Amino acid sequence: MKKLGLILLMVGVSLVAAEQKVDGEKVFEKVCASCHIKMITKEETKKIFDTVKAPPMVEVSNQLKNNIKIVDDIDDDIHRAVVIAFIKDYVIYPHMDKAMCEAMALEKFDLMPSLKGKLSEEELNAVSAWVYDFYVGKKF
């Protein structure tokens, strides 16, 4: 358990450093927005569902936050670090076993393509933290 805490602390420290250098929202706009809509309601999505390339990012963020749990009373900072670590891993190594989309979304969109080699470590850190932080309190 102490090792997990140390690892999460190191991840958190590296994320803070990366967030100060690179703007996660700009990385999202440059790399992710070509497929993921930044903010949209469920009702609006239903109207354009046939043309949507990937799940809206607000729903992706909410699904990750709701589905990634270590224990019921997890500390918010630890939960944030674990979700961000998951995003970083999934973006580079997407796999069906890791997917947290609803079955209908997976059927329509399949897995996202790997972004391995398309993002620097700083960009990956920044956009992963942004995906968590930007959508705090925002619902699909």
Protein backbone atom coordinates (compact mmCIF):
# COMPACT_ATOMS: atom_id res chain seq x y z
CA MET A 1 0.00 0.00 0.00
CA LYS A 2 2.90 2.36 0.73
CA LYS A 3 4.31 1.68 -2.75
CA LEU A 4 0.96 2.60 -4.34
CA GLY A 5 0.90 5.85 -2.37
CA LEU A 6 4.46 6.68 -3.43
CA ILE A 7 3.72 5.92 -7.07
CA LEU A 8 0.57 8.04 -6.99
CA LEU A 9 2.48 10.87 -5.33
CA MET A 10 5.14 10.74 -8.05
CA VAL A 11 2.45 10.71 -10.75
CA GLY A 12 0.77 13.67 -9.10
CA VAL A 13 4.02 15.64 -8.89
CA SER A 14 4.82 14.96 -12.54
CA LEU A 15 1.28 15.97 -13.53
CA VAL A 16 1.53 19.27 -11.70
CA ALA A 17 4.83 20.03 -13.41
CA ALA A 18 3.46 19.07 -16.82
CA GLU A 19 0.24 21.04 -16.36
CA GLN A 20 2.23 24.20 -15.80
CA LYS A 21 4.07 23.86 -19.13
CA VAL A 22 1.39 22.57 -21.50
CA ASP A 23 -2.26 23.63 -21.79
CA GLY A 24 -4.38 20.45 -21.75
CA GLU A 25 -7.34 22.16 -23.39
CA LYS A 26 -5.15 23.24 -26.31
CA VAL A 27 -3.91 19.66 -26.67
CA PHE A 28 -7.53 18.47 -26.64
CA GLU A 29 -8.46 20.96 -29.35
CA LYS A 30 -5.43 19.99 -31.46
CA VAL A 31 -5.55 16.21 -31.08
CA CYS A 32 -8.85 15.00 -29.63
CA ALA A 33 -11.52 17.40 -30.86
CA SER A 34 -11.43 16.02 -34.40
CA CYS A 35 -13.32 13.01 -32.98
CA HIS A 36 -14.61 13.95 -29.50
CA ILE A 37 -17.07 16.79 -28.99
CA LYS A 38 -15.93 18.86 -26.02
CA MET A 39 -19.31 19.70 -24.51
CA ILE A 40 -22.78 18.63 -25.60
CA THR A 41 -25.95 17.45 -23.92
CA LYS A 42 -27.39 13.98 -24.25
CA GLU A 43 -30.40 15.43 -26.09
CA GLU A 44 -28.20 17.30 -28.59
CA THR A 45 -26.12 14.17 -29.12
CA LYS A 46 -29.21 12.12 -29.98
CA LYS A 47 -30.03 14.60 -32.76
CA ILE A 48 -26.60 14.23 -34.41
CA PHE A 49 -25.74 10.70 -33.30
CA ASP A 50 -25.28 9.39 -36.86
CA THR A 51 -22.53 11.93 -37.54
CA VAL A 52 -20.65 11.70 -34.23
CA LYS A 53 -17.21 10.04 -34.58
CA ALA A 54 -16.56 9.26 -30.91
CA PRO A 55 -18.30 9.58 -27.55
CA PRO A 56 -18.57 13.18 -26.32
CA MET A 57 -15.70 13.91 -23.95
CA VAL A 58 -18.04 15.02 -21.17
CA GLU A 59 -19.50 11.50 -21.15
CA VAL A 60 -16.07 9.86 -21.40
CA SER A 61 -14.85 11.84 -18.39
CA ASN A 62 -17.95 11.04 -16.36
CA GLN A 63 -17.81 7.31 -17.23
CA LEU A 64 -14.19 7.11 -16.15
CA LYS A 65 -14.80 8.94 -12.88
CA ASN A 66 -17.80 6.74 -12.07
CA ASN A 67 -16.25 3.43 -13.10
CA ILE A 68 -12.74 3.74 -11.72
CA LYS A 69 -12.91 3.01 -8.03
CA ILE A 70 -10.34 1.52 -5.70
CA VAL A 71 -12.39 1.72 -2.50
CA ASP A 72 -15.65 3.47 -1.73
CA ASP A 73 -14.12 6.18 0.46
CA ILE A 74 -11.17 7.01 -1.79
CA ASP A 75 -9.51 10.38 -1.33
CA ASP A 76 -10.36 12.81 -4.18
CA ASP A 77 -6.70 13.47 -5.00
CA ILE A 78 -5.90 9.77 -5.20
CA HIS A 79 -9.00 9.14 -7.33
CA ARG A 80 -7.94 11.97 -9.66
CA ALA A 81 -4.41 10.54 -9.96
CA VAL A 82 -5.70 7.03 -10.71
CA VAL A 83 -8.17 8.25 -13.36
CA ILE A 84 -5.48 10.39 -15.00
CA ALA A 85 -3.06 7.44 -15.01
CA PHE A 86 -5.77 5.32 -16.65
CA ILE A 87 -6.41 7.95 -19.34
CA LYS A 88 -2.69 8.20 -20.10
CA ASP A 89 -2.43 4.43 -20.47
CA TYR A 90 -5.63 4.02 -22.51
CA VAL A 91 -4.78 6.79 -24.98
CA ILE A 92 -1.52 5.03 -25.82
CA TYR A 93 -2.66 1.41 -25.36
CA PRO A 94 -6.41 1.19 -25.99
CA HIS A 95 -7.84 -2.29 -25.51
CA MET A 96 -11.34 -3.74 -25.30
CA ASP A 97 -10.59 -5.08 -21.81
CA LYS A 98 -10.03 -1.50 -20.60
CA ALA A 99 -13.00 0.11 -22.37
CA MET A 100 -15.53 1.76 -20.08
CA CYS A 101 -18.03 2.95 -22.66
CA GLU A 102 -21.53 1.59 -22.70
CA ALA A 103 -22.03 -1.36 -25.07
CA MET A 104 -23.94 0.77 -27.59
CA ALA A 105 -21.07 3.26 -27.77
CA LEU A 106 -18.49 0.52 -28.25
CA GLU A 107 -20.61 -1.00 -31.00
CA LYS A 108 -20.90 2.32 -32.82
CA PHE A 109 -17.42 3.74 -32.24
CA ASP A 110 -15.24 0.68 -31.54
CA LEU A 111 -11.94 1.39 -29.78
CA MET A 112 -10.14 4.65 -30.28
CA PRO A 113 -6.92 4.41 -32.26
CA SER A 114 -3.70 4.54 -30.29
CA LEU A 115 -2.07 7.94 -30.06
CA LYS A 116 1.33 6.40 -29.38
CA GLY A 117 4.00 8.67 -30.83
CA LYS A 118 1.50 11.47 -31.48
CA LEU A 119 1.73 13.17 -28.09
CA SER A 120 4.71 14.16 -26.02
CA GLU A 121 4.74 13.03 -22.39
CA GLU A 122 3.95 16.62 -21.36
CA GLU A 123 0.99 16.81 -23.75
CA LEU A 124 -0.29 13.43 -22.57
CA ASN A 125 -0.04 14.50 -18.92
CA ALA A 126 -1.72 17.83 -19.60
CA VAL A 127 -4.64 16.53 -21.66
CA SER A 128 -5.27 13.63 -19.27
CA ALA A 129 -5.46 16.02 -16.31
CA TRP A 130 -7.63 18.41 -18.32
CA VAL A 131 -10.11 15.62 -19.17
CA TYR A 132 -10.52 14.98 -15.46
CA ASP A 133 -10.55 18.57 -14.21
CA PHE A 134 -12.55 20.37 -16.91
CA TYR A 135 -15.59 18.14 -16.48
CA VAL A 136 -15.82 18.25 -12.68
CA GLY A 137 -19.49 18.94 -11.93
CA LYS A 138 -20.53 18.83 -15.60
CA LYS A 139 -23.11 16.29 -16.65
CA PHE A 140 -23.87 14.75 -20.03
